[in-house]
Protein backbone atom coordinates (compact mmCIF):
# COMPACT_ATOMS: atom_id res chain seq x y z
CA ILE A 1 51.04 -81.50 -47.79
CA ARG A 2 50.01 -79.30 -44.88
CA VAL A 3 52.44 -76.67 -43.64
CA MET A 4 51.94 -74.98 -40.28
CA CYS A 5 53.55 -71.58 -40.34
CA TYR A 6 54.14 -68.65 -37.97
CA GLN A 7 51.82 -65.69 -38.53
CA ASP A 8 54.17 -62.76 -38.49
CA GLY A 9 53.20 -60.40 -41.28
CA VAL A 10 54.04 -60.87 -44.94
CA GLU A 11 53.75 -64.68 -44.83
CA CYS A 12 50.45 -64.91 -46.74
CA GLU A 13 51.88 -63.24 -49.84
CA VAL A 14 55.25 -64.99 -49.92
CA THR A 15 53.94 -68.45 -49.05
CA ALA A 16 51.32 -68.29 -51.80
CA GLU A 17 54.04 -67.69 -54.37
CA LEU A 18 56.32 -70.36 -52.90
CA ALA A 19 53.48 -72.90 -52.91
CA LYS A 20 52.63 -72.11 -56.54
CA ARG A 21 56.25 -72.63 -57.62
CA PHE A 22 56.62 -75.88 -55.63
CA GLU A 23 53.35 -77.28 -57.01
CA ALA A 24 54.46 -76.48 -60.55
CA GLN A 25 57.66 -78.44 -59.98
CA ASN A 26 55.84 -81.33 -58.28
CA PRO A 27 52.65 -82.12 -60.23
CA GLY A 28 50.01 -83.78 -58.10
CA THR A 29 51.26 -82.26 -54.85
CA LYS A 30 49.25 -79.48 -53.25
CA VAL A 31 50.54 -77.25 -50.47
CA LYS A 32 48.12 -75.91 -47.86
CA PHE A 33 49.26 -73.43 -45.21
CA ASN A 34 47.81 -73.00 -41.72
CA PHE A 35 48.90 -69.79 -40.00
CA GLY A 36 49.01 -68.93 -36.33
CA ALA A 37 51.23 -67.94 -33.43
CA SER A 38 54.21 -70.28 -33.36
CA GLY A 39 53.62 -71.49 -29.79
CA ALA A 40 49.98 -72.34 -30.46
CA LEU A 41 50.92 -74.23 -33.61
CA ILE A 42 53.31 -76.50 -31.69
CA GLN A 43 50.55 -77.37 -29.28
CA GLN A 44 48.18 -78.23 -32.14
CA ILE A 45 50.78 -80.51 -33.74
CA ALA A 46 51.57 -82.15 -30.40
CA ASN A 47 47.84 -82.79 -29.96
CA GLY A 48 47.69 -84.68 -33.24
CA ALA A 49 46.77 -82.07 -35.87
CA PRO A 50 47.49 -83.52 -39.35
CA VAL A 51 50.61 -81.54 -40.30
CA ASP A 52 53.56 -82.39 -42.53
CA VAL A 53 55.88 -79.37 -42.16
CA PHE A 54 56.41 -76.83 -39.38
CA ALA A 55 57.99 -73.40 -39.95
CA SER A 56 58.78 -71.02 -37.11
CA ALA A 57 59.67 -67.33 -36.89
CA ASP A 58 62.47 -68.00 -34.41
CA THR A 59 64.84 -70.74 -33.30
CA ASP A 60 63.56 -70.77 -29.70
CA THR A 61 60.13 -71.92 -30.84
CA MET A 62 61.63 -74.61 -33.06
CA ASP A 63 63.73 -75.77 -30.09
CA LYS A 64 60.45 -76.19 -28.17
CA ALA A 65 59.05 -78.24 -31.05
CA VAL A 66 62.13 -80.48 -30.90
CA ALA A 67 61.78 -80.80 -27.11
CA LYS A 68 58.14 -81.92 -27.52
CA GLY A 69 59.15 -84.50 -30.10
CA VAL A 70 57.14 -82.78 -32.83
CA VAL A 71 60.17 -82.53 -35.12
CA ALA A 72 63.62 -84.14 -35.06
CA ALA A 73 66.61 -81.88 -34.40
CA ALA A 74 68.49 -83.40 -37.34
CA ASP A 75 65.71 -82.33 -39.72
CA VAL A 76 65.71 -78.64 -38.79
CA LYS A 77 66.98 -76.23 -41.45
CA VAL A 78 67.12 -72.42 -41.46
CA PHE A 79 65.48 -71.34 -44.71
CA THR A 80 65.69 -67.55 -44.44
CA THR A 81 66.50 -64.58 -42.20
CA ASN A 82 65.07 -61.15 -41.44
CA LYS A 83 65.81 -57.85 -39.72
CA LEU A 84 63.91 -56.06 -36.96
CA VAL A 85 63.07 -52.44 -37.71
CA LEU A 86 61.29 -49.61 -35.95
CA ILE A 87 58.72 -47.94 -38.17
CA VAL A 88 56.80 -44.67 -37.87
CA PRO A 89 53.85 -43.28 -39.87
CA THR A 90 54.99 -41.83 -43.21
CA GLN A 91 53.92 -38.32 -42.21
CA SER A 92 55.75 -38.47 -38.84
CA LYS A 93 58.11 -35.56 -38.23
CA ALA A 94 59.70 -37.22 -35.20
CA ASN A 95 63.46 -37.45 -35.44
CA MET A 96 64.75 -40.91 -34.58
CA GLN A 97 68.40 -41.94 -34.71
CA GLN A 98 68.51 -44.66 -32.07
CA LEU A 99 66.32 -46.77 -29.78
CA ALA A 100 66.81 -44.34 -26.89
CA ASP A 101 64.85 -41.76 -28.88
CA LEU A 102 61.70 -43.65 -27.85
CA LYS A 103 62.13 -41.85 -24.52
CA LYS A 104 61.30 -38.54 -26.23
CA PRO A 105 57.89 -37.04 -25.36
CA GLU A 106 56.72 -37.20 -29.00
CA PHE A 107 56.73 -40.99 -28.70
CA LYS A 108 53.76 -41.52 -26.40
CA ARG A 109 52.88 -45.07 -27.49
CA PHE A 110 54.53 -47.70 -29.61
CA ALA A 111 53.37 -51.14 -30.73
CA MET A 112 55.09 -54.50 -30.58
CA GLY A 113 54.06 -58.13 -30.48
CA THR A 114 53.43 -59.63 -27.06
CA PRO A 115 56.91 -60.94 -26.14
CA ALA A 116 55.67 -64.18 -24.58
CA SER A 117 53.88 -65.35 -27.72
CA VAL A 118 55.14 -63.31 -30.69
CA PRO A 119 58.77 -63.84 -31.77
CA ALA A 120 59.12 -60.28 -33.12
CA GLY A 121 57.97 -58.96 -29.75
CA HIS A 122 60.52 -61.17 -28.01
CA TYR A 123 63.29 -59.82 -30.25
CA ALA A 124 62.13 -56.25 -29.52
CA GLN A 125 62.02 -56.82 -25.77
CA ASP A 126 65.51 -58.32 -25.77
CA ALA A 127 66.82 -55.33 -27.73
CA LEU A 128 65.22 -52.87 -25.31
CA VAL A 129 66.55 -54.78 -22.28
CA LYS A 130 70.05 -54.86 -23.75
CA ALA A 131 69.87 -51.10 -24.41
CA GLY A 132 68.80 -50.52 -20.80
CA LEU A 133 65.47 -49.05 -21.90
CA TRP A 134 62.91 -51.73 -21.03
CA LEU A 135 61.90 -50.58 -17.55
CA GLU A 136 61.64 -46.97 -18.62
CA LEU A 137 59.62 -47.66 -21.77
CA LYS A 138 57.40 -50.64 -20.96
CA ASP A 139 54.44 -48.45 -19.94
CA LYS A 140 54.41 -46.93 -23.44
CA ILE A 141 53.97 -50.31 -25.13
CA ILE A 142 50.79 -51.42 -26.88
CA ASN A 143 51.06 -55.22 -27.13
CA THR A 144 49.74 -56.89 -30.28
CA ALA A 145 48.75 -60.44 -31.18
CA ASN A 146 51.13 -60.51 -34.16
CA VAL A 147 53.39 -58.29 -36.24
CA ARG A 148 50.71 -57.45 -38.78
CA GLN A 149 48.64 -55.84 -36.03
CA ALA A 150 51.60 -53.68 -34.97
CA LEU A 151 52.06 -52.69 -38.62
CA ASP A 152 48.38 -51.77 -38.90
CA TYR A 153 48.48 -49.60 -35.77
CA VAL A 154 51.38 -47.58 -37.18
CA SER A 155 49.83 -47.34 -40.66
CA ARG A 156 46.64 -45.92 -39.17
CA ASP A 157 48.63 -43.46 -37.04
CA GLU A 158 47.18 -44.97 -33.86
CA VAL A 159 50.65 -45.27 -32.32
CA ASP A 160 53.81 -43.23 -32.82
CA ALA A 161 56.08 -46.17 -33.73
CA GLY A 162 56.16 -49.95 -33.95
CA PHE A 163 58.55 -52.89 -34.07
CA VAL A 164 58.10 -55.06 -37.17
CA TYR A 165 60.25 -57.11 -39.52
CA ALA A 166 61.91 -55.49 -42.52
CA SER A 167 59.73 -57.71 -44.72
CA ASP A 168 56.59 -56.24 -43.14
CA ALA A 169 57.73 -52.65 -43.62
CA LEU A 170 57.86 -53.28 -47.38
CA LEU A 171 54.13 -54.08 -47.51
CA ILE A 172 52.76 -50.57 -47.13
CA GLN A 173 55.58 -48.15 -47.88
CA ASP A 174 53.00 -45.48 -48.65
CA LYS A 175 51.83 -45.49 -45.01
CA VAL A 176 54.90 -46.36 -42.93
CA LYS A 177 58.61 -45.69 -43.12
CA VAL A 178 61.59 -47.33 -41.46
CA ALA A 179 63.12 -45.06 -38.83
CA ILE A 180 65.96 -47.34 -37.76
CA GLN A 181 67.12 -50.93 -38.03
CA VAL A 182 67.09 -52.45 -34.54
CA PRO A 183 70.15 -54.45 -33.43
CA THR A 184 68.86 -57.79 -32.12
CA VAL A 185 70.50 -59.87 -29.40
CA LYS A 186 70.09 -62.99 -31.58
CA PRO A 187 70.01 -63.09 -35.38
CA ILE A 188 66.49 -63.53 -36.77
CA HIS A 189 66.43 -66.98 -38.32
CA TYR A 190 63.41 -68.86 -39.68
CA PRO A 191 63.76 -72.64 -39.18
CA ILE A 192 61.67 -75.31 -40.86
CA ALA A 193 61.39 -79.09 -40.53
CA LYS A 194 59.20 -81.98 -41.56
CA VAL A 195 56.93 -83.15 -38.75
CA VAL A 196 57.74 -86.51 -37.17
CA GLY A 197 54.11 -87.66 -37.44
CA SER A 198 53.67 -86.66 -41.09
CA THR A 199 52.01 -89.22 -43.33
CA GLN A 200 53.78 -87.66 -46.33
CA GLN A 201 57.41 -87.74 -45.28
CA SER A 202 58.85 -87.70 -48.80
CA ALA A 203 56.80 -84.72 -50.02
CA ALA A 204 57.41 -82.86 -46.75
CA GLN A 205 61.17 -83.32 -47.08
CA LYS A 206 61.00 -82.19 -50.72
CA PHE A 207 59.29 -78.97 -49.65
CA VAL A 208 61.91 -78.27 -46.97
CA GLU A 209 64.66 -78.83 -49.55
CA PHE A 210 62.85 -76.70 -52.13
CA LEU A 211 63.06 -73.68 -49.81
CA GLN A 212 66.87 -73.89 -49.97
CA THR A 213 66.91 -73.62 -53.78
CA PRO A 214 67.92 -70.42 -55.64
CA LYS A 215 64.38 -70.04 -57.06
CA ALA A 216 62.77 -70.14 -53.63
CA GLN A 217 65.42 -67.87 -52.15
CA ALA A 218 64.81 -65.33 -54.92
CA ILE A 219 61.10 -65.27 -54.05
CA LEU A 220 61.89 -64.78 -50.36
CA LYS A 221 64.31 -61.95 -51.17
CA LYS A 222 61.64 -60.20 -53.27
CA TYR A 223 59.45 -60.02 -50.16
CA GLY A 224 62.22 -58.62 -47.96
CA PHE A 225 63.58 -61.80 -46.40
CA GLY A 226 67.20 -62.92 -46.35
CA GLN A 227 68.64 -59.45 -46.80
């Protein structure tokens, strides 16, 4: 089966382990992942790409998939959750207690996914707007194509801070540290569904159901999801 999946950081590591476990439980079934920005993936599926399962990094994107007829609303399941965090380079001496601290002069630039196309960036923008900080801080933002890029910028000390998921911050704890957990306007949910046009409906549904099992949830938790 082919699974199209958001590209938002740690997914390569966790999905490889999930696929291995599912294949062991379902001999003869192979799972292949295609990664990309959630919005672009929907368009590919709508244009006829051979896909069996679609996973998104936010519910808004999955709602768009439902609206396009790519997946059926009744088939959508939330398989895990995450937290948004603000990270700084490990060696940073900047004192951060709250989002408003980004106004301090020591924070000259910070990275976040482009809000229009990266769910993590959208969550970050909403949090900054709600805190009344967006207009004041938007000129300090370095937009990135995905969360992993924001993580890389912080790890290389190219920016003073970055918005990533808690699962991403676990990847390189030797180079970045979590300054604060960011309160999000909406909870960060990851929905998944079999694709309406799938030629392997049974296997696709099995994979969606597998992600709800204790074994799959334990794997997700190990990589920082569902905390």
